[in-house]
Amino acid sequence: MTRDELLRILSFAEATREIAEKRAPLATTDPRWNIIGYVMRRHLQGKMVTATSAAMAAEVPYGTALRRIGDLIDEGMLHKRPRSKSGKSFSLHPTRRLIEEFESYAIQMKALVGGTFGFNTGDGELGDFYFGGYYMASRILAYPSPMRQGIGYGRPFRILGSMDPTFRTLAAQAQALEELCGGAVEIETLPLDALHAEIMENAARPVSRYDLVAADLPWLGELAEARVISALDETIAAARYNTSDFHGAALRGCGWTGRIYGLPIQPTVELLFCREDLFAESGLDIPRTTEEVLRAARVLDRAALNLSGIVMNFGRGTPVAHTFLQTLADFGQPVIDLARLGEDYDLSRIEGERLRPRLDTQAARMAAEFLLELAEFSHPESLSCDWDKRIALFSGGHAAMTYGWSIRASAFELNPRSPAHGNVRFVPHPPAPGGRTVSPIGGFALSIPAGLDDDRRRVAWKMLEYLTRPELMKWYVQNGNLTSARFSTSADPEVRARSGLFAAVDAMERRGEVQIWPRPPVPEFSAILGILADEIHAMLRGDAPVVDALAASQARIDTLMRENGRY
């Protein structure tokens, strides 16, 4: 079970106990459980526990709480770790025994709830059930119902989006959307870099031109720190809005420093697309590691037949920079010095030393060398490829593999004329040998621009909530969009029938393989991309050795952070 799911089960257990202990006279406060729940939550969040904080969480007199803490230490459930040379100051941590006992409890709780809603498979597994999603209530989502009270026709409601499928669907279905929303809606779509520029220019206007803007997930830190978009925490709390149905990684990607700045509308996961038919003809297994990717690219590269082993997103600028960051994650490392949180990295607070670049490492060198080796068997046009060109070459049958965002699989999944149609296996990013499988999450959140007056903000939230409903996301799928931010949408049989992608990404989310940290949403993210775009592209062109390209990137990003006063 993933950390997110364990936290959801813990929250559920605490809520049910609260009903018995605080809302009805059926049980008394259980300090032992309160201490265990608090310690496990802090452990899963990567936060420290002191004896004082654990005693306060017990919700009984201080002396009683300390005795319960002592009992748990004596039983081998908690252990003390010194925080000073004298040993007088210490922190509390769950022992392996407590962690195993809690995970066993969580599995049994999940099985009980899953069985209640008919999700047990009969073989002891709950493969189609993720704890907390309200897809338990209904498996088939109805066509979207119109708003009970529309947004009105007094002025057009303007949405600024990307040129990706969800926003193309909204633009193409503008008339139907207006009927559903009861108001005039205008949707403007722009390429990625132009979208970022327009969002920043809009923030400088006296009055925002837009009511909602689409933010690429790695931009959230920059937009939040610059107060370009509004935090939604208070609005979500006041509306009692349930976020548990969203994929965990997609929802976390909408946050910065512990606050939510948007809701996921078009998340997408970068995968390895493999032509299963070509692999079978060559007697190759689908790659599970970077070494196997390289081996397959070498074997499947058939220049005489106009077939390359792989097509890569090596185009100058943002494309090649993203490719390097995502490949670096395959070798187990982010671009900056993020703190470890279990098997992953902590994005809750990124400041000070955590913003130092990490491009002078063995992992960075291995990632760069892997890309250079892969370039030998890549399509000749890879050095000029962006996301659209890369997928067009793969869909046209000119490459046996490509890394690609799940959202763009519609180019061949929904196109029977493509040689790749029906022949593609979707797999997570293969890691370096011995590494952990991590696929980066990308895509867009819908955010409310800062500075809207109360009336516009109220209508903006109403529209934001509506456009991210499960049935709307199913509507996007039915109009050619192969992505879903919600478990309920992904579980719908009619959605799953569109493509095997939904089941594949859902399973990856449940296994904890979809992560934000490969593209950390720091305010300097766009500037980091600009630096990597120069240096890595020069390396791939053969104009700079690996060592020089990485050293230059390290020095330039370090200078950037120092000039911004980060450390």
Protein backbone atom coordinates (compact mmCIF):
# COMPACT_ATOMS: atom_id res chain seq x y z
CA MET A 1 0.00 0.00 0.00
CA THR A 2 1.24 3.51 -0.77
CA ARG A 3 1.89 6.23 1.79
CA ASP A 4 -1.12 8.20 0.50
CA GLU A 5 -3.46 5.25 0.92
CA LEU A 6 -2.16 4.48 4.43
CA LEU A 7 -2.82 8.12 5.38
CA ARG A 8 -6.34 7.91 3.98
CA ILE A 9 -7.09 4.78 5.99
CA LEU A 10 -5.66 6.43 9.11
CA SER A 11 -7.91 9.47 8.57
CA PHE A 12 -10.91 7.19 8.10
CA ALA A 13 -10.14 5.25 11.29
CA GLU A 14 -9.68 8.47 13.27
CA ALA A 15 -12.96 9.86 11.97
CA THR A 16 -14.91 6.74 12.92
CA ARG A 17 -13.37 6.73 16.40
CA GLU A 18 -14.23 10.41 16.79
CA ILE A 19 -17.90 9.62 16.17
CA ALA A 20 -17.95 7.09 19.01
CA GLU A 21 -15.77 9.07 21.42
CA LYS A 22 -16.81 12.69 20.86
CA ARG A 23 -20.10 12.84 19.01
CA ALA A 24 -21.90 10.08 20.92
CA PRO A 25 -21.44 8.72 24.47
CA LEU A 26 -20.47 5.25 23.24
CA ALA A 27 -16.74 5.13 24.04
CA THR A 28 -14.09 6.88 26.08
CA THR A 29 -10.93 8.53 24.80
CA ASP A 30 -8.30 5.94 23.93
CA PRO A 31 -4.89 7.58 24.53
CA ARG A 32 -2.99 4.56 23.24
CA TRP A 33 -4.68 4.72 19.84
CA ASN A 34 -4.35 8.52 19.72
CA ILE A 35 -0.60 8.28 20.32
CA ILE A 36 -0.15 5.51 17.76
CA GLY A 37 -2.24 7.33 15.15
CA TYR A 38 -0.32 10.58 15.69
CA VAL A 39 3.10 8.90 15.53
CA MET A 40 2.21 6.95 12.38
CA ARG A 41 0.82 10.04 10.65
CA ARG A 42 3.95 12.07 11.42
CA HIS A 43 6.14 9.17 10.31
CA LEU A 44 4.33 8.86 6.98
CA GLN A 45 4.58 12.63 6.49
CA GLY A 46 8.30 12.66 7.35
CA LYS A 47 7.79 14.92 10.37
CA MET A 48 9.35 14.77 13.84
CA VAL A 49 7.56 13.61 17.00
CA THR A 50 8.56 14.69 20.50
CA ALA A 51 7.29 13.27 23.77
CA THR A 52 5.44 16.52 24.41
CA SER A 53 3.66 16.56 21.04
CA ALA A 54 2.73 12.86 21.36
CA ALA A 55 1.38 13.49 24.88
CA MET A 56 -0.76 16.37 23.63
CA ALA A 57 -2.13 14.14 20.86
CA ALA A 58 -3.21 11.58 23.47
CA GLU A 59 -5.99 13.94 24.66
CA VAL A 60 -5.68 12.81 28.31
CA PRO A 61 -3.85 14.39 31.27
CA TYR A 62 -0.15 14.86 30.62
CA GLY A 63 1.02 12.37 33.27
CA THR A 64 -1.33 9.69 31.95
CA ALA A 65 -0.15 10.32 28.40
CA LEU A 66 3.53 9.97 29.39
CA ARG A 67 2.76 6.64 31.08
CA ARG A 68 1.09 5.39 27.88
CA ILE A 69 4.10 6.52 25.85
CA GLY A 70 6.33 4.62 28.29
CA ASP A 71 4.19 1.50 27.89
CA LEU A 72 4.51 1.68 24.09
CA ILE A 73 8.29 2.03 24.38
CA ASP A 74 8.47 -0.96 26.76
CA GLU A 75 6.35 -3.04 24.35
CA GLY A 76 8.71 -2.30 21.46
CA MET A 77 6.17 -0.19 19.56
CA LEU A 78 8.06 3.11 19.91
CA HIS A 79 11.73 3.91 20.28
CA LYS A 80 13.53 7.02 21.44
CA ARG A 81 16.30 8.59 19.34
CA PRO A 82 18.63 11.14 20.99
CA ARG A 83 18.61 14.67 19.55
CA SER A 84 21.54 15.90 21.63
CA LYS A 85 24.84 14.54 22.94
CA SER A 86 23.47 14.40 26.48
CA GLY A 87 20.50 12.29 25.41
CA LYS A 88 18.13 14.45 27.44
CA SER A 89 16.43 15.61 24.26
CA PHE A 90 14.99 12.88 22.04
CA SER A 91 12.44 12.19 19.32
CA LEU A 92 9.95 9.33 19.13
CA HIS A 93 9.70 6.96 16.18
CA PRO A 94 7.60 3.90 15.31
CA THR A 95 9.52 0.64 15.45
CA ARG A 96 9.40 -1.85 12.60
CA ARG A 97 6.97 -3.88 14.71
CA LEU A 98 4.52 -0.96 14.98
CA ILE A 99 4.80 -0.18 11.27
CA GLU A 100 4.09 -3.81 10.36
CA GLU A 101 1.18 -4.00 12.82
CA PHE A 102 -0.32 -0.78 11.45
CA GLU A 103 0.04 -1.92 7.82
CA SER A 104 -1.66 -5.21 8.72
CA TYR A 105 -4.49 -3.25 10.36
CA ALA A 106 -4.77 -1.00 7.28
CA ILE A 107 -4.97 -3.96 4.90
CA GLN A 108 -7.74 -5.53 6.98
CA MET A 109 -9.60 -2.22 7.15
CA LYS A 110 -9.30 -1.80 3.39
CA ALA A 111 -10.55 -5.35 2.80
CA LEU A 112 -13.54 -4.78 5.12
CA VAL A 113 -14.58 -1.53 3.43
CA GLY A 114 -13.85 -2.89 -0.04
CA GLY A 115 -15.93 -5.98 0.66
CA THR A 116 -18.82 -3.85 1.90
CA PHE A 117 -18.91 -2.09 -1.48
CA GLY A 118 -18.33 -5.22 -3.55
CA PHE A 119 -14.71 -4.68 -4.52
CA ASN A 120 -13.20 -7.92 -3.22
CA THR A 121 -11.79 -10.06 -6.01
CA GLY A 122 -11.99 -13.31 -4.08
CA ASP A 123 -8.25 -14.01 -4.22
CA GLY A 124 -7.29 -11.83 -1.28
CA GLU A 125 -6.44 -8.82 -3.41
CA LEU A 126 -8.21 -5.51 -3.98
CA GLY A 127 -6.63 -4.63 -7.28
CA ASP A 128 -9.45 -2.40 -8.55
CA PHE A 129 -10.06 -0.55 -5.29
CA TYR A 130 -8.16 2.44 -3.95
CA PHE A 131 -9.24 3.47 -0.47
CA GLY A 132 -11.03 6.80 -0.31
CA GLY A 133 -12.31 7.26 -3.85
CA TYR A 134 -16.04 7.80 -4.03
CA TYR A 135 -16.18 5.64 -7.12
CA MET A 136 -17.41 3.01 -4.63
CA ALA A 137 -20.91 4.44 -4.84
CA SER A 138 -21.52 4.02 -8.57
CA ARG A 139 -19.52 2.34 -11.31
CA ILE A 140 -21.14 3.96 -14.37
CA LEU A 141 -21.16 7.74 -14.58
CA ALA A 142 -24.10 9.46 -16.21
CA TYR A 143 -23.89 12.13 -18.89
CA PRO A 144 -23.17 15.52 -17.26
CA SER A 145 -26.21 17.22 -15.79
CA PRO A 146 -26.54 20.99 -16.25
CA MET A 147 -25.85 23.37 -13.39
CA ARG A 148 -28.95 24.06 -11.33
CA GLN A 149 -28.14 27.76 -11.44
CA GLY A 150 -26.04 28.78 -14.39
CA ILE A 151 -23.11 31.17 -14.37
CA GLY A 152 -25.14 33.76 -16.28
CA TYR A 153 -24.85 35.57 -19.60
CA GLY A 154 -23.97 39.03 -18.25
CA ARG A 155 -20.34 38.71 -19.34
CA PRO A 156 -18.36 35.91 -21.01
CA PHE A 157 -16.64 33.50 -18.64
CA ARG A 158 -13.08 33.24 -19.99
CA ILE A 159 -10.78 30.23 -19.60
CA LEU A 160 -7.12 30.30 -20.64
CA GLY A 161 -5.91 26.80 -21.52
CA SER A 162 -3.25 24.84 -23.32
CA MET A 163 -3.47 23.30 -26.76
CA ASP A 164 -3.76 19.83 -25.21
CA PRO A 165 -6.79 17.53 -25.69
CA THR A 166 -8.94 18.54 -22.70
CA PHE A 167 -8.94 22.20 -23.64
CA ARG A 168 -9.35 21.41 -27.32
CA THR A 169 -12.42 19.41 -26.31
CA LEU A 170 -13.79 22.33 -24.28
CA ALA A 171 -13.18 24.72 -27.17
CA ALA A 172 -14.72 22.38 -29.75
CA GLN A 173 -17.72 21.70 -27.51
CA ALA A 174 -18.17 25.32 -26.46
CA GLN A 175 -21.84 25.40 -27.45
CA ALA A 176 -22.64 22.26 -25.46
CA LEU A 177 -20.62 23.61 -22.53
CA GLU A 178 -22.61 26.84 -22.54
CA GLU A 179 -25.83 24.82 -22.39
CA LEU A 180 -24.50 22.84 -19.43
CA CYS A 181 -23.21 25.91 -17.59
CA GLY A 182 -26.00 28.32 -18.44
CA GLY A 183 -23.72 31.12 -19.57
CA ALA A 184 -21.41 32.42 -22.27
CA VAL A 185 -18.00 30.73 -22.20
CA GLU A 186 -14.88 31.74 -24.14
CA ILE A 187 -11.86 29.43 -24.24
CA GLU A 188 -8.45 30.54 -25.48
CA THR A 189 -5.75 27.92 -26.06
CA LEU A 190 -2.02 28.56 -26.44
CA PRO A 191 1.20 26.52 -26.81
CA LEU A 192 3.03 25.77 -23.55
CA ASP A 193 5.58 28.60 -23.50
CA ALA A 194 3.08 31.15 -24.82
CA LEU A 195 0.59 30.02 -22.16
CA HIS A 196 3.11 30.70 -19.39
CA ALA A 197 3.89 34.12 -20.82
CA GLU A 198 0.20 35.05 -21.07
CA ILE A 199 -0.50 33.97 -17.49
CA MET A 200 2.30 36.24 -16.27
CA GLU A 201 1.18 39.14 -18.48
CA ASN A 202 -2.39 38.72 -17.27
CA ALA A 203 -1.21 39.02 -13.67
CA ALA A 204 0.20 42.46 -14.48
CA ARG A 205 -3.11 43.75 -15.83
CA PRO A 206 -5.28 45.90 -13.54
CA VAL A 207 -8.17 43.47 -14.04
CA SER A 208 -7.73 39.82 -14.96
CA ARG A 209 -8.88 38.98 -18.47
CA TYR A 210 -9.52 35.38 -17.43
CA ASP A 211 -11.67 33.70 -14.78
CA LEU A 212 -9.74 30.41 -14.82
CA VAL A 213 -6.25 29.62 -16.09
CA ALA A 214 -4.59 26.29 -16.83
CA ALA A 215 -1.27 25.94 -15.01
CA ASP A 216 1.29 23.31 -15.91
CA LEU A 217 1.95 21.48 -12.63
CA PRO A 218 5.66 22.46 -12.33
CA TRP A 219 4.65 26.15 -12.59
CA LEU A 220 2.59 26.06 -9.38
CA GLY A 221 5.44 27.15 -7.11
CA GLU A 222 6.33 30.11 -9.30
CA LEU A 223 2.71 31.22 -9.77
CA ALA A 224 1.87 30.80 -6.09
CA GLU A 225 4.95 32.63 -4.80
CA ALA A 226 4.36 35.50 -7.24
CA ARG A 227 0.69 35.62 -6.16
CA VAL A 228 -0.47 35.11 -9.71
CA ILE A 229 -3.05 32.51 -8.63
CA SER A 230 -5.15 32.15 -5.48
CA ALA A 231 -4.95 29.51 -2.76
CA LEU A 232 -8.14 27.46 -2.53
CA ASP A 233 -7.87 25.95 0.96
CA GLU A 234 -10.45 28.20 2.62
CA THR A 235 -12.86 27.84 -0.29
CA ILE A 236 -12.51 24.05 -0.25
CA ALA A 237 -13.07 23.94 3.50
CA ALA A 238 -16.09 26.26 3.37
CA ALA A 239 -17.66 24.21 0.58
CA ARG A 240 -16.85 20.93 2.38
CA TYR A 241 -15.45 19.83 -0.95
CA ASN A 242 -14.25 16.21 -1.05
CA THR A 243 -10.87 15.82 -2.76
CA SER A 244 -10.39 12.13 -1.91
CA ASP A 245 -11.45 10.87 -5.36
CA PHE A 246 -8.57 12.63 -7.12
CA HIS A 247 -5.45 10.65 -7.88
CA GLY A 248 -3.04 11.45 -5.05
CA ALA A 249 -0.14 12.53 -7.26
CA ALA A 250 -2.39 14.78 -9.36
CA LEU A 251 -3.79 16.53 -6.28
CA ARG A 252 -0.36 16.90 -4.64
CA GLY A 253 0.88 18.40 -7.89
CA CYS A 254 -1.63 21.24 -7.38
CA GLY A 255 -0.02 22.29 -4.11
CA TRP A 256 2.81 24.46 -2.89
CA THR A 257 4.08 24.80 0.70
CA GLY A 258 1.11 22.87 2.02
CA ARG A 259 -1.62 24.86 0.27
CA ILE A 260 -3.79 23.98 -2.76
CA TYR A 261 -3.67 26.32 -5.74
CA GLY A 262 -5.81 24.48 -8.25
CA LEU A 263 -7.70 21.28 -9.05
CA PRO A 264 -6.47 18.66 -11.53
CA ILE A 265 -8.23 18.75 -14.87
CA GLN A 266 -5.77 17.08 -17.21
CA PRO A 267 -3.11 15.06 -15.43
CA THR A 268 -0.86 12.97 -17.60
CA VAL A 269 1.84 10.45 -16.87
CA GLU A 270 4.96 9.95 -18.95
CA LEU A 271 5.26 6.32 -20.00
CA LEU A 272 7.31 4.22 -22.37
CA PHE A 273 5.25 3.34 -25.46
CA CYS A 274 6.40 0.05 -27.01
CA ARG A 275 5.28 -1.47 -30.31
CA GLU A 276 4.37 -4.89 -28.97
CA ASP A 277 4.13 -6.40 -32.46
CA LEU A 278 7.68 -5.36 -33.35
CA PHE A 279 9.03 -6.63 -30.04
CA ALA A 280 7.35 -9.99 -30.62
CA GLU A 281 8.79 -10.27 -34.15
CA SER A 282 12.28 -9.67 -32.77
CA GLY A 283 11.86 -12.01 -29.81
CA LEU A 284 12.37 -9.17 -27.33
CA ASP A 285 10.76 -8.68 -23.96
CA ILE A 286 9.23 -5.31 -23.10
CA PRO A 287 11.99 -3.29 -21.33
CA ARG A 288 12.03 -3.16 -17.54
CA THR A 289 15.29 -1.20 -17.08
CA THR A 290 17.22 1.52 -18.87
CA GLU A 291 19.73 -1.10 -20.05
CA GLU A 292 16.91 -3.09 -21.65
CA VAL A 293 15.58 0.08 -23.31
CA LEU A 294 18.99 0.67 -24.86
CA ARG A 295 19.31 -2.97 -25.94
CA ALA A 296 15.84 -2.95 -27.54
CA ALA A 297 16.55 0.34 -29.35
CA ARG A 298 19.74 -1.16 -30.77
CA VAL A 299 18.03 -4.36 -31.98
CA LEU A 300 14.94 -2.63 -33.40
CA ASP A 301 16.81 0.17 -35.19
CA ARG A 302 16.35 -0.68 -38.89
CA ALA A 303 17.36 2.35 -40.89
CA ALA A 304 16.92 0.53 -44.21
CA LEU A 305 13.27 -0.05 -43.40
CA ASN A 306 12.73 3.55 -42.23
CA LEU A 307 12.28 2.29 -38.65
CA SER A 308 14.23 3.72 -35.75
CA GLY A 309 14.65 1.99 -32.43
CA ILE A 310 13.16 4.97 -30.60
CA VAL A 311 12.18 8.59 -31.20
CA MET A 312 13.22 11.04 -28.49
CA ASN A 313 12.05 14.47 -27.40
CA PHE A 314 15.45 16.12 -27.91
CA GLY A 315 14.23 19.35 -29.52
CA ARG A 316 15.95 22.59 -28.51
CA GLY A 317 14.39 24.39 -25.57
CA THR A 318 11.77 23.07 -23.18
CA PRO A 319 11.44 19.58 -24.80
CA VAL A 320 15.04 18.44 -24.25
CA ALA A 321 15.14 19.98 -20.76
CA HIS A 322 12.07 17.99 -19.70
CA THR A 323 13.58 14.84 -21.21
CA PHE A 324 16.73 15.21 -19.10
CA LEU A 325 14.80 15.82 -15.86
CA GLN A 326 12.60 12.78 -16.44
CA THR A 327 15.59 10.60 -17.32
CA LEU A 328 17.45 11.78 -14.22
CA ALA A 329 14.51 10.42 -12.18
CA ASP A 330 15.06 7.01 -13.81
CA PHE A 331 18.44 7.07 -12.09
CA GLY A 332 16.82 7.87 -8.76
CA GLN A 333 17.53 11.56 -8.36
CA PRO A 334 15.79 14.95 -8.66
CA VAL A 335 17.50 18.01 -10.14
CA ILE A 336 17.75 19.74 -6.74
CA ASP A 337 18.71 18.46 -3.30
CA LEU A 338 15.26 17.46 -2.04
CA ALA A 339 15.03 15.72 1.34
CA ARG A 340 14.30 12.03 1.32
CA LEU A 341 10.84 10.88 2.43
CA GLY A 342 10.86 7.10 2.55
CA GLU A 343 11.57 5.88 -0.98
CA ASP A 344 10.64 9.24 -2.45
CA TYR A 345 11.36 12.93 -1.83
CA ASP A 346 9.67 15.54 0.34
CA LEU A 347 7.99 18.39 -1.53
CA SER A 348 6.14 19.87 1.45
CA ARG A 349 8.84 22.49 2.10
CA ILE A 350 11.50 23.30 -0.47
CA GLU A 351 13.76 26.08 0.77
CA GLY A 352 17.36 26.90 1.64
CA GLU A 353 19.84 24.12 1.00
CA ARG A 354 17.11 21.98 -0.58
CA LEU A 355 17.25 24.28 -3.63
CA ARG A 356 20.88 23.49 -4.41
CA PRO A 357 21.30 21.86 -7.84
CA ARG A 358 22.51 18.26 -8.01
CA LEU A 359 24.07 17.89 -11.43
CA ASP A 360 27.60 17.05 -10.32
CA THR A 361 26.56 13.56 -9.23
CA GLN A 362 27.10 10.05 -10.55
CA ALA A 363 23.35 9.71 -11.22
CA ALA A 364 23.38 12.85 -13.41
CA ARG A 365 26.38 11.56 -15.38
CA MET A 366 24.74 8.17 -15.89
CA ALA A 367 21.51 9.82 -17.07
CA ALA A 368 23.38 12.03 -19.55
CA GLU A 369 25.45 9.12 -20.87
CA PHE A 370 22.31 7.01 -21.27
CA LEU A 371 20.71 9.73 -23.41
CA LEU A 372 23.83 10.00 -25.54
CA GLU A 373 23.88 6.24 -26.13
CA LEU A 374 20.18 6.24 -26.90
CA ALA A 375 20.68 9.04 -29.44
CA GLU A 376 22.63 6.62 -31.66
CA PHE A 377 19.48 4.56 -32.23
CA SER A 378 17.00 7.44 -32.18
CA HIS A 379 15.06 8.76 -35.15
CA PRO A 380 17.21 11.25 -37.11
CA GLU A 381 14.72 14.04 -36.42
CA SER A 382 14.84 13.56 -32.64
CA LEU A 383 17.04 16.63 -32.16
CA SER A 384 14.20 18.78 -33.50
CA CYS A 385 11.33 16.88 -31.85
CA ASP A 386 8.79 18.42 -29.52
CA TRP A 387 5.83 16.54 -28.02
CA ASP A 388 3.65 16.73 -31.15
CA LYS A 389 6.36 15.77 -33.62
CA ARG A 390 7.60 12.91 -31.46
CA ILE A 391 4.15 11.32 -31.19
CA ALA A 392 3.45 11.88 -34.89
CA LEU A 393 6.60 9.96 -35.87
CA PHE A 394 5.77 7.12 -33.49
CA SER A 395 2.12 7.01 -34.60
CA GLY A 396 3.24 6.96 -38.22
CA GLY A 397 5.23 3.79 -37.67
CA HIS A 398 8.71 5.34 -37.84
CA ALA A 399 9.92 4.19 -34.42
CA ALA A 400 9.52 1.08 -32.26
CA MET A 401 9.46 3.02 -28.98
CA THR A 402 9.03 6.46 -27.55
CA TYR A 403 8.62 8.03 -24.17
CA GLY A 404 5.31 9.83 -24.24
CA TRP A 405 2.71 11.53 -22.11
CA SER A 406 -0.37 9.36 -21.69
CA ILE A 407 -2.59 12.23 -22.86
CA ARG A 408 -1.02 12.05 -26.34
CA ALA A 409 -1.69 8.37 -26.90
CA SER A 410 -4.95 9.31 -28.59
CA ALA A 411 -2.90 9.95 -31.75
CA PHE A 412 -2.74 6.18 -32.29
CA GLU A 413 -5.18 4.70 -29.75
CA LEU A 414 -8.12 6.45 -31.41
CA ASN A 415 -6.73 6.37 -34.96
CA PRO A 416 -7.29 3.01 -36.73
CA ARG A 417 -5.09 4.13 -39.64
CA SER A 418 -2.00 4.35 -37.44
CA PRO A 419 0.40 1.36 -37.67
CA ALA A 420 0.66 1.62 -33.89
CA HIS A 421 -3.11 1.31 -33.35
CA GLY A 422 -3.84 -1.67 -31.09
CA ASN A 423 -0.16 -2.63 -31.00
CA VAL A 424 1.21 -0.54 -28.13
CA ARG A 425 2.13 -1.71 -24.64
CA PHE A 426 2.14 1.08 -22.04
CA VAL A 427 4.75 0.66 -19.30
CA PRO A 428 6.07 2.97 -16.56
CA HIS A 429 9.45 4.63 -17.06
CA PRO A 430 11.99 1.79 -16.80
CA PRO A 431 14.49 2.67 -14.05
CA ALA A 432 18.22 2.07 -13.98
CA PRO A 433 19.03 -1.51 -12.90
CA GLY A 434 18.16 -1.95 -9.24
CA GLY A 435 16.26 1.35 -9.10
CA ARG A 436 12.67 2.13 -8.23
CA THR A 437 10.05 2.62 -10.95
CA VAL A 438 8.98 6.26 -11.11
CA SER A 439 6.92 7.89 -13.83
CA PRO A 440 6.65 11.68 -13.77
CA ILE A 441 3.24 13.29 -13.59
CA GLY A 442 2.50 16.31 -15.71
CA GLY A 443 -0.51 18.02 -17.15
CA PHE A 444 -2.59 20.89 -15.90
CA ALA A 445 -4.43 22.23 -12.92
CA LEU A 446 -7.23 24.75 -13.27
CA SER A 447 -6.52 27.74 -11.06
CA ILE A 448 -8.29 30.96 -10.13
CA PRO A 449 -6.29 34.12 -10.94
CA ALA A 450 -5.46 36.33 -7.98
CA GLY A 451 -7.23 39.65 -7.66
CA LEU A 452 -10.71 38.66 -8.82
CA ASP A 453 -13.48 40.45 -6.97
CA ASP A 454 -15.76 38.39 -4.74
CA ASP A 455 -18.45 37.86 -7.36
CA ARG A 456 -16.04 36.73 -10.06
CA ARG A 457 -14.20 34.47 -7.61
CA ARG A 458 -17.49 32.87 -6.51
CA VAL A 459 -18.45 32.10 -10.12
CA ALA A 460 -14.91 30.94 -10.90
CA TRP A 461 -15.00 28.42 -8.05
CA LYS A 462 -18.43 27.22 -9.17
CA MET A 463 -17.11 26.63 -12.69
CA LEU A 464 -13.87 25.07 -11.43
CA GLU A 465 -15.77 22.60 -9.28
CA TYR A 466 -18.08 21.76 -12.18
CA LEU A 467 -15.37 21.25 -14.82
CA THR A 468 -13.47 18.80 -12.59
CA ARG A 469 -16.44 16.59 -11.69
CA PRO A 470 -16.15 12.86 -12.51
CA GLU A 471 -18.92 12.98 -15.13
CA LEU A 472 -17.26 15.94 -16.89
CA MET A 473 -13.98 14.04 -17.02
CA LYS A 474 -15.84 11.12 -18.57
CA TRP A 475 -17.29 13.56 -21.11
CA TYR A 476 -13.75 14.67 -22.01
CA VAL A 477 -12.78 11.02 -22.51
CA GLN A 478 -15.76 10.43 -24.77
CA ASN A 479 -14.58 13.36 -26.87
CA GLY A 480 -11.07 12.00 -27.40
CA ASN A 481 -9.21 12.83 -24.18
CA LEU A 482 -7.29 9.83 -22.76
CA THR A 483 -6.75 11.04 -19.22
CA SER A 484 -8.56 11.10 -15.91
CA ALA A 485 -7.71 12.76 -12.61
CA ARG A 486 -10.27 10.71 -10.68
CA PHE A 487 -10.50 7.10 -9.62
CA SER A 488 -14.26 7.13 -10.21
CA THR A 489 -13.81 8.18 -13.84
CA SER A 490 -11.05 5.66 -14.47
CA ALA A 491 -13.19 2.88 -12.95
CA ASP A 492 -16.15 3.55 -15.28
CA PRO A 493 -16.45 0.57 -17.69
CA GLU A 494 -17.24 2.85 -20.62
CA VAL A 495 -14.09 4.85 -19.92
CA ARG A 496 -11.92 1.74 -19.62
CA ALA A 497 -13.29 0.45 -22.91
CA ARG A 498 -11.75 3.46 -24.68
CA SER A 499 -8.17 2.44 -23.91
CA GLY A 500 -6.05 0.21 -21.71
CA LEU A 501 -4.29 3.37 -20.58
CA PHE A 502 -6.81 4.08 -17.84
CA ALA A 503 -6.32 0.76 -16.07
CA ALA A 504 -2.54 1.01 -16.50
CA VAL A 505 -2.27 4.51 -15.01
CA ASP A 506 -4.75 3.68 -12.23
CA ALA A 507 -2.62 0.68 -11.23
CA MET A 508 0.55 2.81 -11.29
CA GLU A 509 -1.10 5.36 -9.00
CA ARG A 510 -2.09 2.62 -6.54
CA ARG A 511 1.49 1.29 -6.56
CA GLY A 512 2.92 4.75 -5.85
CA GLU A 513 4.84 4.89 -9.14
CA VAL A 514 3.41 8.26 -10.25
CA GLN A 515 5.45 11.06 -8.69
CA ILE A 516 5.85 14.84 -8.79
CA TRP A 517 9.46 15.11 -7.66
CA PRO A 518 11.10 14.47 -11.09
CA ARG A 519 9.86 17.98 -12.02
CA PRO A 520 9.73 19.80 -8.66
CA PRO A 521 7.44 22.87 -8.76
CA VAL A 522 10.01 25.35 -7.49
CA PRO A 523 9.61 29.02 -8.46
CA GLU A 524 12.79 28.82 -10.54
CA PHE A 525 11.55 25.84 -12.55
CA SER A 526 11.22 27.70 -15.85
CA ALA A 527 14.69 29.20 -15.45
CA ILE A 528 16.14 25.75 -14.67
CA LEU A 529 14.56 24.46 -17.87
CA GLY A 530 16.13 27.29 -19.83
CA ILE A 531 19.61 26.42 -18.54
CA LEU A 532 19.26 22.69 -19.17
CA ALA A 533 17.81 23.42 -22.61
CA ASP A 534 21.08 25.12 -23.62
CA GLU A 535 23.57 22.73 -22.05
CA ILE A 536 21.94 19.35 -22.68
CA HIS A 537 21.08 20.16 -26.28
CA ALA A 538 24.70 21.16 -26.88
CA MET A 539 25.79 17.84 -25.37
CA LEU A 540 23.45 15.84 -27.61
CA ARG A 541 24.63 17.76 -30.69
CA GLY A 542 28.19 16.77 -29.81
CA ASP A 543 29.30 20.33 -29.04
CA ALA A 544 30.03 19.67 -25.36
CA PRO A 545 31.24 16.63 -23.40
CA VAL A 546 28.98 15.25 -20.67
CA VAL A 547 31.23 16.53 -17.89
CA ASP A 548 31.28 20.07 -19.29
CA ALA A 549 27.51 20.19 -19.95
CA LEU A 550 26.70 19.08 -16.41
CA ALA A 551 29.31 21.34 -14.81
CA ALA A 552 27.96 24.34 -16.72
CA SER A 553 24.39 23.46 -15.71
CA GLN A 554 25.40 23.05 -12.07
CA ALA A 555 27.24 26.39 -12.00
CA ARG A 556 24.49 28.34 -13.76
CA ILE A 557 21.65 26.98 -11.60
CA ASP A 558 23.72 27.56 -8.46
CA THR A 559 24.30 31.17 -9.53
CA LEU A 560 20.58 31.58 -10.22
CA MET A 561 19.64 30.35 -6.76
CA ARG A 562 22.25 32.56 -5.05
CA GLU A 563 21.11 35.63 -6.98
CA ASN A 564 17.54 34.89 -5.84
CA GLY A 565 18.73 34.69 -2.24
CA ARG A 566 17.74 31.06 -1.80
CA TYR A 567 20.81 30.15 0.23
